Structures are given as structure tokens and as C-alpha cells.
Amino acid sequence: MKLLVLAPLWIEALAVRSSLPGVKVRRTGMGRTQVDLGDADAVAVAGLCGAVDPELTAGDVVLATELRSDDGKSIPCPGSALLAEPLRRLGLRAKSGPLYSASRIVGPEERESLRDRGIVAVDMESAWLGEAAGDRPLAVLRVVVDTAGHRLLSPRTVLAGVRGLWTLRRAAPAFVDWVEACVTTPAADADTLASMRVPRLAQQ
């Protein structure tokens, strides 16, 4: 099964690519963009994000179980659940829940409103990249940089960004196990896959 990992920013793509030799990693650019998936059999989205859930701190991993967007899209993403165990073995914190993609940077005030809707984190790409994946197996892994109460343009963002990229690099090998799990989980067994729940907070 051919895996394609989509990373919006070049620095995110670099972090992922350094841990996944032989796996195709494509930089898509920031925001809503068109993407060519080529002959990919499975698609993963990897990058950084902003926290909505106040329990999340810089460096925590978010696994999107649903992708929502500011244009009203809602895309189920149960395949992310298969990343939970590989991440646990890597000793990484992972939290699951709906991820919200916005066409602009979302500040703390708006994140409070999103939290009331069950959103755990925000980014600017995943929902539209997930839509492009079509019926291919899909997983979305994001790493927190800015926490719920802080703006992205903050002095602490630089250090948090370094930590986030380091975690992203550590987490990337989990996609190899994810692809293997996709092969052994029949596509027709969608109900079983959808019923899987990533632990609210998994930590080794």
C-alpha cells in the first residue's frame, strides 16, 4: 500500500521526511489548497496545530477523529484511531477528538466557542486535505504549538514550535504501523473501525 503524507509547511514536511525514509512526503502549502494525490493508496496529514482543549500543552499529539471546517464540512476520520498504539509505544501523549480547520488564524476568544462544540484543536488545512483523500484510508496527526489561552503570535511560540516539530519528527514513524494496520483492517469493516476509540489521553 502506497502511503502519501501531506504536510502543509516546508518545515513540517522536513520534520516528517527525516523520520520516514522511503515514504513520499508532499508539502501542500498553508491554507486551503489543491493537492495531487497521485497513485497514493493511503493518505496521512501531519503538522502543527493550536489547542482548543485547555488540557493540551505544547508538544501534545492530537489525533483527529472528525474533521470540521468553517465552511460547514464534517468528515469522519476513524482511521486516526489506528495511530494510538504506535504512538503509545513511542512514549508520546495523544488526545483524540474533532479537529477544526479555519481559513484564518483562530484566536483565544473564538477557541472558547469552539470548545463548547467539542473541538479539541484547530488548524488551517486538514479538513480540505481530508476531503481530497476521498475514499482512501485517512489519518490526521497534529502536534500542539500554541495552547488554548495564548495567541499564535506570542514570544513563547518560537520555543513551543521547536518542541512541536521535535515531537512531530518523533511521531512520524507511527504512520508505518498505521499503513500496516490499514492493510489488515478490511475497508468493508468500516463500522468496526469507526467504533474504535482513541484513549482520551494515552501515555506510556
N, C-alpha and C. Protein backbone atom coordinates (compact mmCIF):
# COMPACT_ATOMS: atom_id res chain seq x y z
N MET A 1 0.85 -1.19 0.00
CA MET A 1 0.00 0.00 0.00
C MET A 1 0.88 1.24 0.00
N LYS A 2 0.68 2.13 -0.96
CA LYS A 2 1.50 3.33 -1.09
C LYS A 2 0.95 4.44 -0.20
N LEU A 3 1.80 4.91 0.70
CA LEU A 3 1.42 5.96 1.63
C LEU A 3 1.91 7.31 1.13
N LEU A 4 1.05 8.31 1.22
CA LEU A 4 1.42 9.69 0.94
C LEU A 4 1.13 10.51 2.19
N VAL A 5 2.15 11.19 2.70
CA VAL A 5 1.97 12.06 3.86
C VAL A 5 1.93 13.51 3.38
N LEU A 6 0.88 14.21 3.74
CA LEU A 6 0.72 15.61 3.37
C LEU A 6 1.09 16.49 4.55
N ALA A 7 2.01 17.42 4.34
CA ALA A 7 2.44 18.35 5.38
C ALA A 7 2.34 19.77 4.82
N PRO A 8 1.54 20.63 5.40
CA PRO A 8 1.32 21.95 4.83
C PRO A 8 2.58 22.82 4.68
N LEU A 9 3.39 22.93 5.71
CA LEU A 9 4.55 23.81 5.67
C LEU A 9 5.83 23.04 5.39
N TRP A 10 6.80 23.73 4.78
CA TRP A 10 8.04 23.03 4.42
C TRP A 10 8.76 22.52 5.66
N ILE A 11 8.70 23.26 6.76
CA ILE A 11 9.39 22.83 7.96
C ILE A 11 8.70 21.61 8.59
N GLU A 12 7.37 21.52 8.43
CA GLU A 12 6.65 20.33 8.87
C GLU A 12 7.01 19.14 7.99
N ALA A 13 7.07 19.38 6.68
CA ALA A 13 7.44 18.32 5.75
C ALA A 13 8.85 17.81 6.04
N LEU A 14 9.76 18.73 6.36
CA LEU A 14 11.13 18.34 6.66
C LEU A 14 11.19 17.47 7.90
N ALA A 15 10.43 17.84 8.94
CA ALA A 15 10.42 17.05 10.18
C ALA A 15 9.90 15.64 9.94
N VAL A 16 8.84 15.53 9.15
CA VAL A 16 8.26 14.22 8.87
C VAL A 16 9.18 13.40 7.98
N ARG A 17 9.68 14.02 6.94
CA ARG A 17 10.51 13.30 5.96
C ARG A 17 11.78 12.74 6.61
N SER A 18 12.32 13.45 7.58
CA SER A 18 13.56 13.00 8.21
C SER A 18 13.38 11.70 8.98
N SER A 19 12.13 11.38 9.35
CA SER A 19 11.87 10.14 10.09
C SER A 19 11.21 9.07 9.25
N LEU A 20 10.92 9.38 7.99
CA LEU A 20 10.23 8.41 7.13
C LEU A 20 10.97 8.22 5.81
N PRO A 21 12.18 7.70 5.85
CA PRO A 21 12.91 7.47 4.59
C PRO A 21 12.15 6.48 3.71
N GLY A 22 12.05 6.81 2.44
CA GLY A 22 11.37 5.93 1.51
C GLY A 22 9.87 6.18 1.39
N VAL A 23 9.33 7.03 2.26
CA VAL A 23 7.91 7.37 2.20
C VAL A 23 7.74 8.73 1.53
N LYS A 24 6.77 8.83 0.65
CA LYS A 24 6.56 10.09 -0.06
C LYS A 24 5.89 11.09 0.86
N VAL A 25 6.54 12.25 1.03
CA VAL A 25 6.01 13.35 1.84
C VAL A 25 5.86 14.56 0.92
N ARG A 26 4.66 15.13 0.90
CA ARG A 26 4.40 16.25 -0.02
C ARG A 26 3.98 17.48 0.76
N ARG A 27 4.67 18.59 0.49
CA ARG A 27 4.28 19.86 1.10
C ARG A 27 3.12 20.44 0.30
N THR A 28 2.07 20.81 1.00
CA THR A 28 0.86 21.29 0.31
C THR A 28 0.70 22.79 0.34
N GLY A 29 1.39 23.46 1.27
CA GLY A 29 1.20 24.90 1.42
C GLY A 29 0.17 25.21 2.49
N MET A 30 0.23 26.42 3.02
CA MET A 30 -0.67 26.81 4.09
C MET A 30 -2.07 27.09 3.56
N GLY A 31 -3.06 26.74 4.35
CA GLY A 31 -4.44 27.06 4.00
C GLY A 31 -5.05 26.08 3.02
N ARG A 32 -6.19 26.48 2.49
CA ARG A 32 -6.94 25.63 1.56
C ARG A 32 -6.25 25.62 0.21
N THR A 33 -5.78 24.46 -0.21
CA THR A 33 -5.05 24.33 -1.47
C THR A 33 -5.50 23.08 -2.22
N GLN A 34 -5.22 23.06 -3.51
CA GLN A 34 -5.44 21.87 -4.31
C GLN A 34 -4.23 20.96 -4.15
N VAL A 35 -4.48 19.66 -4.07
CA VAL A 35 -3.37 18.73 -3.88
C VAL A 35 -3.52 17.54 -4.82
N ASP A 36 -2.41 17.14 -5.40
CA ASP A 36 -2.40 15.97 -6.28
C ASP A 36 -1.95 14.77 -5.47
N LEU A 37 -2.83 13.80 -5.33
CA LEU A 37 -2.51 12.61 -4.52
C LEU A 37 -1.85 11.51 -5.34
N GLY A 38 -1.78 11.69 -6.66
CA GLY A 38 -1.09 10.72 -7.49
C GLY A 38 -1.66 9.32 -7.33
N ASP A 39 -0.76 8.34 -7.16
CA ASP A 39 -1.18 6.94 -7.05
C ASP A 39 -1.23 6.47 -5.59
N ALA A 40 -1.39 7.41 -4.67
CA ALA A 40 -1.42 7.05 -3.25
C ALA A 40 -2.61 6.14 -2.94
N ASP A 41 -2.35 5.11 -2.13
CA ASP A 41 -3.41 4.22 -1.67
C ASP A 41 -3.94 4.64 -0.30
N ALA A 42 -3.11 5.34 0.46
CA ALA A 42 -3.49 5.80 1.79
C ALA A 42 -2.90 7.19 2.00
N VAL A 43 -3.63 8.03 2.71
CA VAL A 43 -3.22 9.42 2.90
C VAL A 43 -3.16 9.76 4.38
N ALA A 44 -2.08 10.42 4.77
CA ALA A 44 -1.95 10.91 6.14
C ALA A 44 -1.67 12.41 6.08
N VAL A 45 -2.19 13.12 7.04
CA VAL A 45 -1.92 14.55 7.18
C VAL A 45 -1.15 14.75 8.48
N ALA A 46 -0.05 15.48 8.40
CA ALA A 46 0.80 15.68 9.58
C ALA A 46 1.25 17.13 9.64
N GLY A 47 1.23 17.69 10.84
CA GLY A 47 1.66 19.07 11.00
C GLY A 47 1.41 19.56 12.41
N LEU A 48 1.46 20.88 12.55
CA LEU A 48 1.26 21.51 13.84
C LEU A 48 -0.17 22.03 13.95
N CYS A 49 -0.56 22.40 15.16
CA CYS A 49 -1.92 22.90 15.36
C CYS A 49 -1.97 23.77 16.59
N GLY A 50 -3.13 24.40 16.80
CA GLY A 50 -3.38 25.17 18.00
C GLY A 50 -4.38 24.43 18.88
N ALA A 51 -4.17 24.47 20.18
CA ALA A 51 -5.05 23.77 21.10
C ALA A 51 -6.34 24.55 21.32
N VAL A 52 -7.43 23.82 21.46
CA VAL A 52 -8.70 24.37 21.93
C VAL A 52 -8.98 23.83 23.34
N ASP A 53 -8.73 22.56 23.52
CA ASP A 53 -8.87 21.94 24.84
C ASP A 53 -7.78 22.48 25.77
N PRO A 54 -8.15 23.05 26.90
CA PRO A 54 -7.14 23.65 27.79
C PRO A 54 -6.21 22.63 28.43
N GLU A 55 -6.53 21.34 28.35
CA GLU A 55 -5.64 20.32 28.91
C GLU A 55 -4.42 20.09 28.03
N LEU A 56 -4.50 20.49 26.78
CA LEU A 56 -3.39 20.25 25.85
C LEU A 56 -2.27 21.26 26.06
N THR A 57 -1.04 20.77 26.00
CA THR A 57 0.13 21.62 26.12
C THR A 57 1.01 21.46 24.89
N ALA A 58 1.97 22.36 24.73
CA ALA A 58 2.86 22.30 23.58
C ALA A 58 3.57 20.95 23.53
N GLY A 59 3.54 20.33 22.36
CA GLY A 59 4.16 19.03 22.18
C GLY A 59 3.21 17.86 22.27
N ASP A 60 1.97 18.10 22.71
CA ASP A 60 0.98 17.02 22.75
C ASP A 60 0.51 16.69 21.33
N VAL A 61 0.23 15.43 21.11
CA VAL A 61 -0.24 14.96 19.81
C VAL A 61 -1.76 14.91 19.81
N VAL A 62 -2.37 15.39 18.73
CA VAL A 62 -3.81 15.33 18.55
C VAL A 62 -4.12 14.41 17.38
N LEU A 63 -5.01 13.44 17.60
CA LEU A 63 -5.48 12.55 16.55
C LEU A 63 -6.91 12.94 16.21
N ALA A 64 -7.14 13.36 14.98
CA ALA A 64 -8.45 13.84 14.58
C ALA A 64 -9.39 12.68 14.27
N THR A 65 -10.47 12.58 15.02
CA THR A 65 -11.48 11.56 14.75
C THR A 65 -12.58 12.10 13.83
N GLU A 66 -12.60 13.41 13.68
CA GLU A 66 -13.54 14.07 12.78
C GLU A 66 -12.91 15.38 12.33
N LEU A 67 -13.14 15.75 11.08
CA LEU A 67 -12.62 17.00 10.54
C LEU A 67 -13.79 17.93 10.25
N ARG A 68 -13.78 19.09 10.89
CA ARG A 68 -14.80 20.10 10.62
C ARG A 68 -14.12 21.34 10.07
N SER A 69 -14.88 22.17 9.38
CA SER A 69 -14.29 23.37 8.79
C SER A 69 -15.24 24.55 8.89
N ASP A 70 -14.70 25.74 8.65
CA ASP A 70 -15.52 26.95 8.76
C ASP A 70 -16.47 27.12 7.59
N ASP A 71 -16.41 26.21 6.59
CA ASP A 71 -17.40 26.24 5.52
C ASP A 71 -18.46 25.15 5.70
N GLY A 72 -18.51 24.58 6.90
CA GLY A 72 -19.58 23.65 7.24
C GLY A 72 -19.31 22.19 6.97
N LYS A 73 -18.13 21.84 6.49
CA LYS A 73 -17.83 20.44 6.21
C LYS A 73 -17.65 19.65 7.51
N SER A 74 -18.00 18.38 7.46
CA SER A 74 -17.77 17.46 8.56
C SER A 74 -17.39 16.12 7.97
N ILE A 75 -16.15 15.70 8.18
CA ILE A 75 -15.62 14.49 7.57
C ILE A 75 -15.19 13.52 8.67
N PRO A 76 -15.83 12.37 8.78
CA PRO A 76 -15.38 11.37 9.76
C PRO A 76 -13.95 10.93 9.45
N CYS A 77 -13.18 10.70 10.50
CA CYS A 77 -11.79 10.29 10.30
C CYS A 77 -11.43 9.19 11.30
N PRO A 78 -12.13 8.06 11.25
CA PRO A 78 -11.88 7.00 12.24
C PRO A 78 -10.51 6.34 12.10
N GLY A 79 -9.88 6.46 10.92
CA GLY A 79 -8.59 5.82 10.71
C GLY A 79 -7.50 6.33 11.63
N SER A 80 -7.65 7.56 12.14
CA SER A 80 -6.65 8.10 13.06
C SER A 80 -6.51 7.26 14.31
N ALA A 81 -7.59 6.52 14.66
CA ALA A 81 -7.56 5.70 15.87
C ALA A 81 -6.45 4.65 15.81
N LEU A 82 -6.11 4.22 14.61
CA LEU A 82 -5.09 3.19 14.46
C LEU A 82 -3.67 3.69 14.76
N LEU A 83 -3.54 4.99 14.96
CA LEU A 83 -2.23 5.56 15.32
C LEU A 83 -1.99 5.51 16.84
N ALA A 84 -3.03 5.28 17.60
CA ALA A 84 -2.92 5.39 19.05
C ALA A 84 -1.87 4.45 19.64
N GLU A 85 -1.92 3.19 19.26
CA GLU A 85 -0.99 2.22 19.83
C GLU A 85 0.46 2.46 19.40
N PRO A 86 0.73 2.72 18.10
CA PRO A 86 2.11 3.05 17.73
C PRO A 86 2.65 4.26 18.47
N LEU A 87 1.82 5.26 18.69
CA LEU A 87 2.27 6.44 19.44
C LEU A 87 2.55 6.10 20.89
N ARG A 88 1.72 5.26 21.46
CA ARG A 88 1.95 4.85 22.85
C ARG A 88 3.30 4.18 22.99
N ARG A 89 3.63 3.33 22.01
CA ARG A 89 4.92 2.64 22.06
C ARG A 89 6.08 3.61 21.91
N LEU A 90 5.83 4.74 21.27
CA LEU A 90 6.87 5.77 21.12
C LEU A 90 6.93 6.68 22.35
N GLY A 91 6.03 6.47 23.31
CA GLY A 91 6.04 7.26 24.52
C GLY A 91 5.48 8.66 24.36
N LEU A 92 4.57 8.84 23.41
CA LEU A 92 4.03 10.16 23.13
C LEU A 92 2.60 10.31 23.65
N ARG A 93 2.31 11.50 24.16
CA ARG A 93 0.96 11.83 24.60
C ARG A 93 0.06 12.04 23.39
N ALA A 94 -1.12 11.45 23.40
CA ALA A 94 -2.04 11.60 22.28
C ALA A 94 -3.46 11.80 22.77
N LYS A 95 -4.14 12.74 22.19
CA LYS A 95 -5.52 13.01 22.55
C LYS A 95 -6.36 13.01 21.28
N SER A 96 -7.54 12.42 21.36
CA SER A 96 -8.41 12.32 20.20
C SER A 96 -9.57 13.28 20.29
N GLY A 97 -10.16 13.58 19.13
CA GLY A 97 -11.35 14.41 19.10
C GLY A 97 -11.47 15.15 17.79
N PRO A 98 -12.54 15.91 17.63
CA PRO A 98 -12.75 16.67 16.40
C PRO A 98 -11.72 17.79 16.24
N LEU A 99 -11.26 17.95 15.01
CA LEU A 99 -10.30 19.00 14.66
C LEU A 99 -11.00 19.99 13.74
N TYR A 100 -10.82 21.27 13.99
CA TYR A 100 -11.48 22.31 13.22
C TYR A 100 -10.48 23.03 12.33
N SER A 101 -10.78 23.09 11.03
CA SER A 101 -9.92 23.80 10.08
C SER A 101 -10.56 25.15 9.73
N ALA A 102 -9.79 26.21 9.90
CA ALA A 102 -10.27 27.56 9.63
C ALA A 102 -9.46 28.19 8.51
N SER A 103 -10.06 29.11 7.81
CA SER A 103 -9.38 29.79 6.72
C SER A 103 -8.54 30.97 7.22
N ARG A 104 -8.53 31.18 8.51
CA ARG A 104 -7.71 32.25 9.12
C ARG A 104 -7.28 31.78 10.51
N ILE A 105 -6.33 32.50 11.09
CA ILE A 105 -5.86 32.16 12.43
C ILE A 105 -6.99 32.38 13.44
N VAL A 106 -7.20 31.41 14.31
CA VAL A 106 -8.27 31.46 15.30
C VAL A 106 -7.69 31.87 16.65
N GLY A 107 -8.20 32.97 17.20
CA GLY A 107 -7.70 33.48 18.47
C GLY A 107 -8.34 32.80 19.67
N PRO A 108 -7.87 33.14 20.88
CA PRO A 108 -8.37 32.50 22.11
C PRO A 108 -9.87 32.64 22.31
N GLU A 109 -10.44 33.82 21.97
CA GLU A 109 -11.87 34.02 22.20
C GLU A 109 -12.71 33.07 21.35
N GLU A 110 -12.35 32.94 20.08
CA GLU A 110 -13.11 32.05 19.21
C GLU A 110 -12.89 30.59 19.60
N ARG A 111 -11.73 30.27 20.12
CA ARG A 111 -11.47 28.89 20.54
C ARG A 111 -12.37 28.50 21.71
N GLU A 112 -12.70 29.46 22.56
CA GLU A 112 -13.62 29.15 23.65
C GLU A 112 -14.97 28.69 23.10
N SER A 113 -15.42 29.36 22.05
CA SER A 113 -16.69 28.98 21.43
C SER A 113 -16.59 27.59 20.80
N LEU A 114 -15.46 27.31 20.16
CA LEU A 114 -15.26 26.00 19.53
C LEU A 114 -15.20 24.89 20.58
N ARG A 115 -14.64 25.20 21.74
CA ARG A 115 -14.56 24.20 22.80
C ARG A 115 -15.95 23.76 23.23
N ASP A 116 -16.89 24.68 23.23
CA ASP A 116 -18.27 24.34 23.60
C ASP A 116 -18.89 23.38 22.59
N ARG A 117 -18.31 23.30 21.40
CA ARG A 117 -18.82 22.40 20.35
C ARG A 117 -18.04 21.10 20.29
N GLY A 118 -17.17 20.89 21.27
CA GLY A 118 -16.44 19.62 21.35
C GLY A 118 -15.13 19.58 20.59
N ILE A 119 -14.72 20.69 20.00
CA ILE A 119 -13.47 20.74 19.24
C ILE A 119 -12.28 20.68 20.21
N VAL A 120 -11.24 19.93 19.83
CA VAL A 120 -10.06 19.85 20.70
C VAL A 120 -8.87 20.66 20.18
N ALA A 121 -8.83 20.92 18.85
CA ALA A 121 -7.70 21.65 18.29
C ALA A 121 -8.10 22.28 16.95
N VAL A 122 -7.29 23.23 16.50
CA VAL A 122 -7.57 23.93 15.25
C VAL A 122 -6.33 23.94 14.35
N ASP A 123 -6.58 23.95 13.05
CA ASP A 123 -5.51 24.17 12.07
C ASP A 123 -6.11 24.90 10.88
N MET A 124 -5.37 24.94 9.77
CA MET A 124 -5.86 25.68 8.61
C MET A 124 -5.89 24.84 7.34
N GLU A 125 -5.80 23.51 7.47
CA GLU A 125 -5.72 22.69 6.26
C GLU A 125 -6.42 21.34 6.30
N SER A 126 -6.46 20.68 7.43
CA SER A 126 -6.78 19.25 7.48
C SER A 126 -8.12 18.89 6.86
N ALA A 127 -9.16 19.67 7.09
CA ALA A 127 -10.48 19.31 6.57
C ALA A 127 -10.48 19.24 5.05
N TRP A 128 -9.81 20.18 4.41
CA TRP A 128 -9.80 20.20 2.95
C TRP A 128 -8.87 19.14 2.37
N LEU A 129 -7.76 18.88 3.06
CA LEU A 129 -6.89 17.79 2.62
C LEU A 129 -7.59 16.45 2.81
N GLY A 130 -8.30 16.32 3.92
CA GLY A 130 -9.05 15.09 4.17
C GLY A 130 -10.12 14.87 3.13
N GLU A 131 -10.77 15.93 2.70
CA GLU A 131 -11.79 15.81 1.66
C GLU A 131 -11.18 15.31 0.36
N ALA A 132 -9.97 15.79 0.05
CA ALA A 132 -9.30 15.37 -1.18
C ALA A 132 -8.94 13.89 -1.16
N ALA A 133 -8.78 13.31 0.03
CA ALA A 133 -8.41 11.90 0.14
C ALA A 133 -9.50 10.97 -0.38
N GLY A 134 -10.72 11.46 -0.45
CA GLY A 134 -11.81 10.63 -0.96
C GLY A 134 -12.04 9.41 -0.10
N ASP A 135 -12.11 8.23 -0.75
CA ASP A 135 -12.38 7.00 -0.01
C ASP A 135 -11.10 6.26 0.38
N ARG A 136 -9.95 6.90 0.24
CA ARG A 136 -8.70 6.28 0.69
C ARG A 136 -8.64 6.26 2.22
N PRO A 137 -7.92 5.30 2.80
CA PRO A 137 -7.69 5.36 4.25
C PRO A 137 -7.03 6.69 4.60
N LEU A 138 -7.49 7.30 5.69
CA LEU A 138 -7.04 8.64 6.07
C LEU A 138 -6.74 8.69 7.56
N ALA A 139 -5.64 9.33 7.91
CA ALA A 139 -5.32 9.61 9.31
C ALA A 139 -4.78 11.03 9.40
N VAL A 140 -5.13 11.71 10.47
CA VAL A 140 -4.66 13.08 10.68
C VAL A 140 -4.00 13.17 12.05
N LEU A 141 -2.73 13.57 12.03
CA LEU A 141 -1.95 13.72 13.25
C LEU A 141 -1.40 15.14 13.30
N ARG A 142 -1.73 15.83 14.35
CA ARG A 142 -1.24 17.19 14.54
C ARG A 142 -0.58 17.32 15.91
N VAL A 143 0.38 18.23 16.02
CA VAL A 143 1.09 18.45 17.28
C VAL A 143 0.86 19.89 17.72
N VAL A 144 0.51 20.05 18.98
CA VAL A 144 0.16 21.36 19.53
C VAL A 144 1.39 22.26 19.63
N VAL A 145 1.21 23.51 19.17
CA VAL A 145 2.22 24.55 19.36
C VAL A 145 1.69 25.60 20.33
N ASP A 146 0.61 26.27 19.95
CA ASP A 146 0.05 27.30 20.82
C ASP A 146 -1.12 26.74 21.63
N THR A 147 -1.09 26.96 22.92
CA THR A 147 -2.12 26.42 23.80
C THR A 147 -3.39 27.27 23.71
N ALA A 148 -4.45 26.77 24.34
CA ALA A 148 -5.77 27.38 24.16
C ALA A 148 -5.84 28.84 24.57
N GLY A 149 -5.11 29.22 25.61
CA GLY A 149 -5.21 30.58 26.11
C GLY A 149 -4.22 31.56 25.54
N HIS A 150 -3.42 31.15 24.57
CA HIS A 150 -2.39 32.03 24.02
C HIS A 150 -2.54 32.20 22.51
N ARG A 151 -2.16 33.36 22.04
CA ARG A 151 -2.22 33.64 20.61
C ARG A 151 -0.99 33.05 19.92
N LEU A 152 -1.16 32.75 18.62
CA LEU A 152 -0.05 32.18 17.86
C LEU A 152 1.12 33.14 17.81
N LEU A 153 0.83 34.43 17.64
CA LEU A 153 1.90 35.44 17.57
C LEU A 153 2.27 35.86 18.98
N SER A 154 3.02 34.99 19.64
CA SER A 154 3.44 35.22 21.02
C SER A 154 4.91 34.83 21.13
N PRO A 155 5.67 35.50 22.00
CA PRO A 155 7.09 35.17 22.15
C PRO A 155 7.34 33.71 22.47
N ARG A 156 6.42 33.08 23.21
CA ARG A 156 6.63 31.69 23.60
C ARG A 156 6.41 30.72 22.44
N THR A 157 5.86 31.23 21.32
CA THR A 157 5.56 30.36 20.19
C THR A 157 6.82 29.77 19.57
N VAL A 158 7.92 30.52 19.60
CA VAL A 158 9.16 30.03 18.98
C VAL A 158 9.63 28.75 19.68
N LEU A 159 9.73 28.79 20.99
CA LEU A 159 10.16 27.61 21.73
C LEU A 159 9.15 26.48 21.61
N ALA A 160 7.87 26.84 21.65
CA ALA A 160 6.83 25.82 21.51
C ALA A 160 6.88 25.19 20.12
N GLY A 161 7.21 26.00 19.12
CA GLY A 161 7.32 25.47 17.76
C GLY A 161 8.44 24.47 17.62
N VAL A 162 9.58 24.76 18.26
CA VAL A 162 10.70 23.83 18.24
C VAL A 162 10.30 22.51 18.90
N ARG A 163 9.62 22.61 20.02
CA ARG A 163 9.17 21.41 20.72
C ARG A 163 8.17 20.63 19.87
N GLY A 164 7.25 21.37 19.22
CA GLY A 164 6.25 20.73 18.39
C GLY A 164 6.86 19.99 17.21
N LEU A 165 7.83 20.60 16.57
CA LEU A 165 8.49 19.96 15.42
C LEU A 165 9.29 18.74 15.85
N TRP A 166 9.91 18.82 17.02
CA TRP A 166 10.66 17.67 17.54
C TRP A 166 9.71 16.50 17.79
N THR A 167 8.53 16.81 18.36
CA THR A 167 7.54 15.77 18.61
C THR A 167 7.00 15.22 17.30
N LEU A 168 6.78 16.10 16.33
CA LEU A 168 6.28 15.66 15.03
C LEU A 168 7.26 14.68 14.39
N ARG A 169 8.53 14.96 14.51
CA ARG A 169 9.56 14.07 13.97
C ARG A 169 9.53 12.73 14.69
N ARG A 170 9.34 12.74 16.00
CA ARG A 170 9.28 11.50 16.77
C ARG A 170 8.03 10.69 16.43
N ALA A 171 6.93 11.39 16.14
CA ALA A 171 5.66 10.71 15.90
C ALA A 171 5.55 10.12 14.51
N ALA A 172 6.27 10.68 13.55
CA ALA A 172 6.11 10.28 12.15
C ALA A 172 6.25 8.78 11.89
N PRO A 173 7.17 8.06 12.54
CA PRO A 173 7.28 6.62 12.27
C PRO A 173 6.00 5.83 12.55
N ALA A 174 5.09 6.40 13.34
CA ALA A 174 3.83 5.70 13.63
C ALA A 174 3.01 5.48 12.37
N PHE A 175 3.24 6.28 11.34
CA PHE A 175 2.49 6.11 10.10
C PHE A 175 2.82 4.79 9.40
N VAL A 176 4.01 4.27 9.62
CA VAL A 176 4.38 2.98 9.02
C VAL A 176 3.49 1.88 9.59
N ASP A 177 3.35 1.87 10.92
CA ASP A 177 2.46 0.89 11.55
C ASP A 177 1.01 1.13 11.16
N TRP A 178 0.66 2.39 10.97
CA TRP A 178 -0.72 2.72 10.58
C TRP A 178 -1.07 2.10 9.23
N VAL A 179 -0.17 2.21 8.27
CA VAL A 179 -0.42 1.63 6.95
C VAL A 179 -0.58 0.12 7.04
N GLU A 180 0.27 -0.52 7.84
CA GLU A 180 0.15 -1.96 8.01
C GLU A 180 -1.20 -2.32 8.63
N ALA A 181 -1.66 -1.51 9.58
CA ALA A 181 -2.96 -1.75 10.19
C ALA A 181 -4.10 -1.57 9.19
N CYS A 182 -3.93 -0.61 8.29
CA CYS A 182 -4.95 -0.40 7.25
C CYS A 182 -5.06 -1.63 6.35
N VAL A 183 -3.94 -2.25 6.07
CA VAL A 183 -3.94 -3.44 5.21
C VAL A 183 -4.68 -4.58 5.88
N THR A 184 -4.50 -4.72 7.19
CA THR A 184 -5.11 -5.84 7.91
C THR A 184 -6.51 -5.55 8.41
N THR A 185 -6.97 -4.29 8.26
CA THR A 185 -8.33 -3.93 8.63
C THR A 185 -9.15 -3.76 7.37
N PRO A 186 -10.03 -4.69 7.03
CA PRO A 186 -10.78 -4.63 5.79
C PRO A 186 -11.54 -3.33 5.64
N ALA A 187 -11.47 -2.75 4.45
CA ALA A 187 -12.17 -1.49 4.20
C ALA A 187 -13.67 -1.64 4.41
N ALA A 188 -14.20 -2.85 4.16
CA ALA A 188 -15.63 -3.07 4.31
C ALA A 188 -16.06 -3.05 5.76
N ASP A 189 -15.07 -3.20 6.68
CA ASP A 189 -15.40 -3.24 8.09
C ASP A 189 -15.39 -1.85 8.70
N ALA A 190 -16.00 -0.92 7.99
CA ALA A 190 -15.98 0.48 8.40
C ALA A 190 -16.65 0.70 9.75
N ASP A 191 -17.71 -0.06 10.02
CA ASP A 191 -18.40 0.12 11.29
C ASP A 191 -17.51 -0.24 12.47
N THR A 192 -16.73 -1.31 12.29
CA THR A 192 -15.81 -1.71 13.36
C THR A 192 -14.75 -0.65 13.58
N LEU A 193 -14.19 -0.14 12.49
CA LEU A 193 -13.15 0.87 12.60
C LEU A 193 -13.70 2.14 13.23
N ALA A 194 -14.90 2.52 12.81
CA ALA A 194 -15.50 3.74 13.33
C ALA A 194 -15.80 3.63 14.82
N SER A 195 -16.02 2.41 15.30
CA SER A 195 -16.36 2.23 16.70
C SER A 195 -15.15 2.27 17.61
N MET A 196 -13.95 2.24 17.00
CA MET A 196 -12.74 2.29 17.80
C MET A 196 -12.59 3.66 18.43
N ARG A 197 -12.14 3.73 19.65
CA ARG A 197 -11.97 4.98 20.34
C ARG A 197 -10.51 5.11 20.76
N VAL A 198 -9.88 6.23 20.40
CA VAL A 198 -8.55 6.50 20.90
C VAL A 198 -8.69 6.90 22.36
N PRO A 199 -7.84 6.40 23.25
CA PRO A 199 -7.93 6.81 24.65
C PRO A 199 -7.87 8.34 24.75
N ARG A 200 -8.66 8.89 25.65
CA ARG A 200 -8.72 10.36 25.79
C ARG A 200 -7.32 10.94 25.98
N LEU A 201 -6.51 10.26 26.75
CA LEU A 201 -5.11 10.69 26.88
C LEU A 201 -4.28 9.45 27.09
N ALA A 202 -3.51 9.08 26.05
CA ALA A 202 -2.71 7.86 26.13
C ALA A 202 -1.27 8.25 26.37
N GLN A 203 -0.67 7.66 27.35
CA GLN A 203 0.72 7.97 27.67
C GLN A 203 1.40 6.73 28.21
N GLN A 204 2.59 6.49 27.73
CA GLN A 204 3.34 5.32 28.20
C GLN A 204 3.86 5.56 29.60
